[in-house]
Amino acid sequence: MKEKVLIVVGGPTGSGKTDLAIRLALHFGAEIISADSRQVYQELPIGSAAPDAQQLTLVKHHFIGSQSIHEHFNAGIFAASAEVKLQELFHQNPIQIVCGGSGLYIKALTEGMDELPDVPAHIRSQVMEIYTNEGLEKLQQLLLVQDPIYAAEVDMQNKARLMRALELIAATGQKYSAMRSGKKKTLPYRVMYLRTTLDRETLYQQINQRTPKMIDAGWIEEARAVYPHRAIKALQTVGYTELFDYFDGKYDLPTTIELIKQNTRRYAKRQETWFKHQIPALEVSPGISPEAVRKMLD
């Protein structure tokens, strides 16, 4: 029996991951597991830059629009669900594809996650209140004092990560860095990590060009439909927060679009940095041929 191989295509938003994953899936006769923490939501196809109808017709995708923003979903749930799906898919074909820009989802699937205690609702509310009233800088200050080890390695601009760490510290009285075992799970398949790379100017240009296209495709209407639920964590992300501010009259539309471009570029840069340091990936052009990838598997 041929060796089972999971090809993981990661990288920053706008770097051509989806097109590459589709070409690889067609070449290998595989399906695609989406590792994207926003594309999983059925209410956010435009703002999450989910594969379009034509792309979804070409290759069967999993975890695209499979959940509602009102359902609880995280990296751990994704990993457990994706493992079950991969077991099924590997029976059909020894090569399968994972594609996405959510590094934590990829790591949860391929390395496992530590079992962490539940956080009481009142602690979550307290941490959220700190962020709402005092901002990201306060979260950064608290984490530097309460867990300097984790503060030294986490993306200090990622409010979700900071809030999660502070919640666990408050709930357990332990440092978050001490709760993680660092043990990787044993996998019944080999993983090949690919990271799509573009020069910074090209990446930013593609992001700048994509944003108005998303607006023209109906992103404003999509965001307006979920605006009443803006407090949901799934909506506290680049693009939606700026559009919500636009609905509130904070900015006009041209300014909002420029802010989305700017913040998406910053997000892409953070993703790029994270993947470089956290995932042992081979850097590839998004235009690499499937034949070249096949040779890399040998």
Protein backbone atom coordinates (compact mmCIF):
# COMPACT_ATOMS: atom_id res chain seq x y z
CA MET A 1 0.00 0.00 0.00
CA LYS A 2 1.27 3.45 -0.89
CA GLU A 3 2.41 5.73 1.92
CA LYS A 4 -0.24 8.12 3.14
CA VAL A 5 0.77 11.76 2.71
CA LEU A 6 -1.00 14.91 3.83
CA ILE A 7 0.06 17.94 1.80
CA VAL A 8 -0.51 21.11 3.83
CA VAL A 9 -0.68 24.33 1.83
CA GLY A 10 -0.35 27.30 4.17
CA GLY A 11 0.66 30.92 3.94
CA PRO A 12 -0.67 34.46 4.23
CA THR A 13 -3.97 35.67 2.86
CA GLY A 14 -3.82 36.61 -0.79
CA SER A 15 -0.78 34.45 -1.53
CA GLY A 16 -2.47 31.99 -3.90
CA LYS A 17 -3.02 29.06 -1.51
CA THR A 18 -6.47 28.13 -2.76
CA ASP A 19 -5.57 27.95 -6.45
CA LEU A 20 -2.49 25.86 -5.70
CA ALA A 21 -4.42 23.48 -3.44
CA ILE A 22 -7.07 22.99 -6.13
CA ARG A 23 -4.47 22.21 -8.80
CA LEU A 24 -2.79 19.74 -6.46
CA ALA A 25 -6.10 18.10 -5.56
CA LEU A 26 -7.01 17.69 -9.24
CA HIS A 27 -3.58 16.25 -10.01
CA PHE A 28 -3.56 13.75 -7.14
CA GLY A 29 -7.28 12.96 -7.16
CA ALA A 30 -7.60 14.33 -3.63
CA GLU A 31 -10.14 16.39 -1.71
CA ILE A 32 -9.38 19.51 0.33
CA ILE A 33 -9.70 20.04 4.07
CA SER A 34 -9.99 23.78 4.71
CA ALA A 35 -8.00 24.98 7.72
CA ASP A 36 -9.44 28.47 7.90
CA SER A 37 -11.09 29.79 11.04
CA ARG A 38 -13.41 32.13 9.12
CA GLN A 39 -14.20 30.25 5.91
CA VAL A 40 -15.84 27.60 8.06
CA TYR A 41 -18.76 29.99 8.70
CA GLN A 42 -21.63 29.91 6.23
CA GLU A 43 -22.52 33.56 6.80
CA LEU A 44 -19.07 34.88 5.75
CA PRO A 45 -18.19 33.57 2.26
CA ILE A 46 -17.18 36.92 0.77
CA GLY A 47 -15.35 38.47 3.71
CA SER A 48 -13.43 35.27 4.42
CA ALA A 49 -12.41 34.96 0.74
CA ALA A 50 -13.81 31.43 0.68
CA PRO A 51 -13.48 29.40 -2.54
CA ASP A 52 -16.16 30.44 -5.02
CA ALA A 53 -18.84 28.19 -6.52
CA GLN A 54 -16.68 27.28 -9.51
CA GLN A 55 -13.73 26.29 -7.31
CA LEU A 56 -15.99 24.26 -5.05
CA THR A 57 -17.33 22.47 -8.12
CA LEU A 58 -13.83 21.58 -9.32
CA VAL A 59 -12.77 19.92 -6.06
CA LYS A 60 -14.75 18.77 -3.06
CA HIS A 61 -13.91 20.91 -0.01
CA HIS A 62 -14.60 20.18 3.64
CA PHE A 63 -15.16 22.75 6.42
CA ILE A 64 -16.21 25.52 4.02
CA GLY A 65 -19.46 27.10 5.20
CA SER A 66 -20.12 24.10 7.39
CA GLN A 67 -20.91 26.00 10.60
CA SER A 68 -22.97 28.98 11.68
CA ILE A 69 -21.36 31.92 13.49
CA HIS A 70 -23.76 31.04 16.32
CA GLU A 71 -22.15 27.61 16.79
CA HIS A 72 -19.12 27.09 19.00
CA PHE A 73 -16.12 26.12 16.87
CA ASN A 74 -12.39 26.29 17.55
CA ALA A 75 -9.06 24.69 16.64
CA GLY A 76 -9.65 21.68 18.88
CA ILE A 77 -13.07 20.92 17.41
CA PHE A 78 -11.67 21.40 13.92
CA ALA A 79 -8.76 19.02 14.55
CA ALA A 80 -11.01 16.29 15.95
CA SER A 81 -13.49 16.63 13.06
CA ALA A 82 -10.78 16.84 10.42
CA GLU A 83 -9.07 13.71 11.77
CA VAL A 84 -12.27 11.72 11.29
CA LYS A 85 -12.72 13.09 7.77
CA LEU A 86 -9.09 12.33 6.85
CA GLN A 87 -9.45 8.72 7.97
CA GLU A 88 -12.31 8.42 5.51
CA LEU A 89 -10.48 10.23 2.70
CA PHE A 90 -7.26 8.23 3.05
CA HIS A 91 -9.25 5.07 2.34
CA GLN A 92 -10.08 6.59 -1.05
CA ASN A 93 -6.67 8.05 -1.89
CA PRO A 94 -3.27 7.97 -0.13
CA ILE A 95 -2.64 11.66 -0.79
CA GLN A 96 -4.90 14.36 0.66
CA ILE A 97 -4.71 18.15 0.92
CA VAL A 98 -5.13 20.65 3.74
CA CYS A 99 -5.27 24.31 2.78
CA GLY A 100 -5.59 27.38 4.97
CA GLY A 101 -4.08 30.37 6.65
CA SER A 102 -5.10 29.58 10.22
CA GLY A 103 -1.85 28.29 11.62
CA LEU A 104 -3.38 27.19 14.90
CA TYR A 105 -5.85 24.96 13.04
CA ILE A 106 -3.02 23.38 11.08
CA LYS A 107 -0.92 22.80 14.20
CA ALA A 108 -3.89 21.39 16.10
CA LEU A 109 -4.48 18.86 13.32
CA THR A 110 -0.87 17.83 12.69
CA GLU A 111 0.68 18.25 16.14
CA GLY A 112 -2.22 18.02 18.57
CA MET A 113 -3.33 20.33 21.33
CA ASP A 114 -2.93 20.24 25.07
CA GLU A 115 -6.12 19.59 27.01
CA LEU A 116 -6.85 22.85 28.78
CA PRO A 117 -9.48 23.47 31.45
CA ASP A 118 -12.76 25.18 30.73
CA VAL A 119 -12.87 28.87 31.58
CA PRO A 120 -15.91 30.09 33.56
CA ALA A 121 -18.11 32.55 31.70
CA HIS A 122 -17.57 35.31 34.27
CA ILE A 123 -13.79 35.19 33.71
CA ARG A 124 -14.27 35.43 29.95
CA SER A 125 -16.49 38.44 30.54
CA GLN A 126 -13.92 40.08 32.81
CA VAL A 127 -11.13 39.72 30.27
CA MET A 128 -13.39 40.96 27.48
CA GLU A 129 -14.29 43.97 29.63
CA ILE A 130 -10.60 44.79 30.10
CA TYR A 131 -10.07 44.72 26.34
CA THR A 132 -13.22 46.75 25.63
CA ASN A 133 -12.39 49.45 28.18
CA GLU A 134 -8.60 49.59 28.03
CA GLY A 135 -7.61 48.09 24.69
CA LEU A 136 -4.94 45.78 23.37
CA GLU A 137 -2.11 47.55 25.17
CA LYS A 138 -3.59 46.63 28.55
CA LEU A 139 -3.78 42.96 27.56
CA GLN A 140 -0.14 43.10 26.50
CA GLN A 141 0.89 44.68 29.82
CA LEU A 142 -0.99 42.06 31.83
CA LEU A 143 0.50 39.15 29.92
CA LEU A 144 4.03 40.54 30.23
CA VAL A 145 3.58 40.59 34.02
CA GLN A 146 1.62 37.34 34.44
CA ASP A 147 3.44 35.13 31.91
CA PRO A 148 6.59 36.71 30.42
CA ILE A 149 7.62 33.38 28.85
CA TYR A 150 4.48 33.14 26.73
CA ALA A 151 4.59 36.89 26.06
CA ALA A 152 8.03 36.44 24.50
CA GLU A 153 6.76 33.98 21.88
CA VAL A 154 3.16 34.92 21.14
CA ASP A 155 2.08 37.45 18.49
CA MET A 156 1.38 40.36 20.83
CA GLN A 157 -0.96 41.92 18.26
CA ASN A 158 -3.27 38.91 18.33
CA LYS A 159 -5.89 39.89 20.88
CA ALA A 160 -7.60 36.49 20.76
CA ARG A 161 -4.41 34.72 21.82
CA LEU A 162 -3.73 37.24 24.58
CA MET A 163 -7.27 37.01 25.90
CA ARG A 164 -7.21 33.20 25.85
CA ALA A 165 -3.95 33.12 27.83
CA LEU A 166 -5.20 35.65 30.38
CA GLU A 167 -8.46 33.77 30.79
CA LEU A 168 -6.63 30.51 31.54
CA ILE A 169 -4.22 32.21 33.92
CA ALA A 170 -7.15 33.77 35.80
CA ALA A 171 -9.08 30.50 35.86
CA THR A 172 -6.21 28.27 37.06
CA GLY A 173 -3.70 30.53 38.79
CA GLN A 174 -0.99 28.96 36.60
CA LYS A 175 1.12 30.47 33.83
CA TYR A 176 -0.22 29.55 30.42
CA SER A 177 3.28 28.62 29.27
CA ALA A 178 3.39 25.97 32.03
CA MET A 179 0.13 24.38 30.88
CA ARG A 180 1.48 23.36 27.48
CA SER A 181 3.24 20.02 27.23
CA GLY A 182 4.92 20.61 23.89
CA LYS A 183 4.37 16.94 23.00
CA LYS A 184 3.45 16.27 19.39
CA LYS A 185 1.00 13.53 18.55
CA THR A 186 1.99 10.58 16.39
CA LEU A 187 0.37 10.66 12.97
CA PRO A 188 -0.55 7.68 10.76
CA TYR A 189 0.58 9.65 7.69
CA ARG A 190 3.49 11.80 6.54
CA VAL A 191 3.01 15.55 6.36
CA MET A 192 4.51 17.75 3.67
CA TYR A 193 4.21 21.43 4.57
CA LEU A 194 4.22 23.94 1.71
CA ARG A 195 4.10 27.71 2.24
CA THR A 196 3.06 29.90 -0.67
CA THR A 197 5.31 32.93 -0.93
CA LEU A 198 5.20 36.10 -2.98
CA ASP A 199 7.45 39.11 -2.80
CA ARG A 200 5.99 41.67 -0.43
CA GLU A 201 5.09 44.17 -3.17
CA THR A 202 3.16 41.58 -5.21
CA LEU A 203 1.36 40.23 -2.13
CA TYR A 204 0.27 43.70 -1.07
CA GLN A 205 -0.80 44.56 -4.60
CA GLN A 206 -3.00 41.47 -4.75
CA ILE A 207 -4.57 42.35 -1.40
CA ASN A 208 -5.22 45.92 -2.58
CA GLN A 209 -6.84 44.68 -5.78
CA ARG A 210 -8.90 41.99 -4.07
CA THR A 211 -10.57 44.24 -1.48
CA PRO A 212 -12.69 46.38 -3.88
CA LYS A 213 -13.64 43.21 -5.78
CA MET A 214 -14.97 41.77 -2.53
CA ILE A 215 -16.95 44.95 -1.94
CA ASP A 216 -18.40 44.73 -5.46
CA ALA A 217 -19.30 41.07 -4.82
CA GLY A 218 -21.61 42.08 -1.97
CA TRP A 219 -19.41 42.19 1.11
CA ILE A 220 -21.20 45.24 2.53
CA GLU A 221 -24.54 43.44 2.38
CA GLU A 222 -22.97 40.33 3.90
CA ALA A 223 -21.51 42.35 6.78
CA ARG A 224 -24.77 44.23 7.33
CA ALA A 225 -26.62 40.93 7.70
CA VAL A 226 -24.36 39.86 10.60
CA TYR A 227 -23.94 43.34 12.10
CA PRO A 228 -26.53 42.69 14.86
CA HIS A 229 -24.26 39.87 16.08
CA ARG A 230 -21.02 41.86 15.98
CA ALA A 231 -20.08 40.82 19.54
CA ILE A 232 -19.57 37.21 18.39
CA LYS A 233 -15.89 36.29 18.35
CA ALA A 234 -16.04 35.03 14.76
CA LEU A 235 -16.87 38.56 13.61
CA GLN A 236 -14.07 40.31 15.47
CA THR A 237 -11.75 40.06 12.52
CA VAL A 238 -10.19 42.17 9.78
CA GLY A 239 -12.74 43.52 7.34
CA TYR A 240 -15.83 43.05 9.45
CA THR A 241 -14.67 45.33 12.27
CA GLU A 242 -13.95 48.11 9.75
CA LEU A 243 -17.30 47.64 8.03
CA PHE A 244 -19.11 47.68 11.36
CA ASP A 245 -17.40 51.01 12.14
CA TYR A 246 -18.60 52.24 8.74
CA PHE A 247 -22.16 51.25 9.62
CA ASP A 248 -21.74 53.18 12.89
CA GLY A 249 -20.78 56.30 10.92
CA LYS A 250 -17.19 56.31 12.15
CA TYR A 251 -15.73 56.32 8.62
CA ASP A 252 -16.97 56.95 5.09
CA LEU A 253 -16.78 54.08 2.57
CA PRO A 254 -13.55 55.10 0.77
CA THR A 255 -11.75 55.42 4.13
CA THR A 256 -13.19 52.09 5.25
CA ILE A 257 -11.91 50.34 2.12
CA GLU A 258 -8.44 51.80 2.61
CA LEU A 259 -8.44 50.69 6.25
CA ILE A 260 -9.43 47.16 5.23
CA LYS A 261 -6.57 47.07 2.72
CA GLN A 262 -4.12 48.37 5.31
CA ASN A 263 -5.20 46.02 8.07
CA THR A 264 -5.32 43.04 5.70
CA ARG A 265 -1.73 43.78 4.66
CA ARG A 266 -0.73 43.88 8.33
CA TYR A 267 -2.58 40.63 8.98
CA ALA A 268 -0.82 38.97 6.02
CA LYS A 269 2.53 40.11 7.38
CA ARG A 270 1.73 38.58 10.78
CA GLN A 271 0.64 35.34 9.13
CA GLU A 272 3.86 35.25 7.11
CA THR A 273 5.95 35.72 10.24
CA TRP A 274 3.99 33.08 12.15
CA PHE A 275 4.32 30.45 9.43
CA LYS A 276 8.06 31.12 9.10
CA HIS A 277 8.65 30.46 12.78
CA GLN A 278 6.00 27.86 13.62
CA ILE A 279 5.65 25.57 10.60
CA PRO A 280 8.65 23.73 9.05
CA ALA A 281 7.43 24.41 5.52
CA LEU A 282 9.04 24.41 2.10
CA GLU A 283 8.64 27.82 0.45
CA VAL A 284 6.99 27.52 -2.95
CA SER A 285 5.64 29.83 -5.59
CA PRO A 286 1.82 29.66 -5.81
CA GLY A 287 2.37 28.80 -9.48
CA ILE A 288 4.45 25.69 -8.79
CA SER A 289 3.38 22.75 -10.93
CA PRO A 290 1.77 19.68 -9.36
CA GLU A 291 4.43 17.60 -11.14
CA ALA A 292 7.14 19.48 -9.24
CA VAL A 293 5.34 18.82 -5.95
CA ARG A 294 5.06 15.12 -6.85
CA LYS A 295 8.84 14.99 -7.30
CA MET A 296 9.27 16.63 -3.90
CA LEU A 297 7.31 13.78 -2.35
CA ASP A 298 9.89 11.21 -3.48
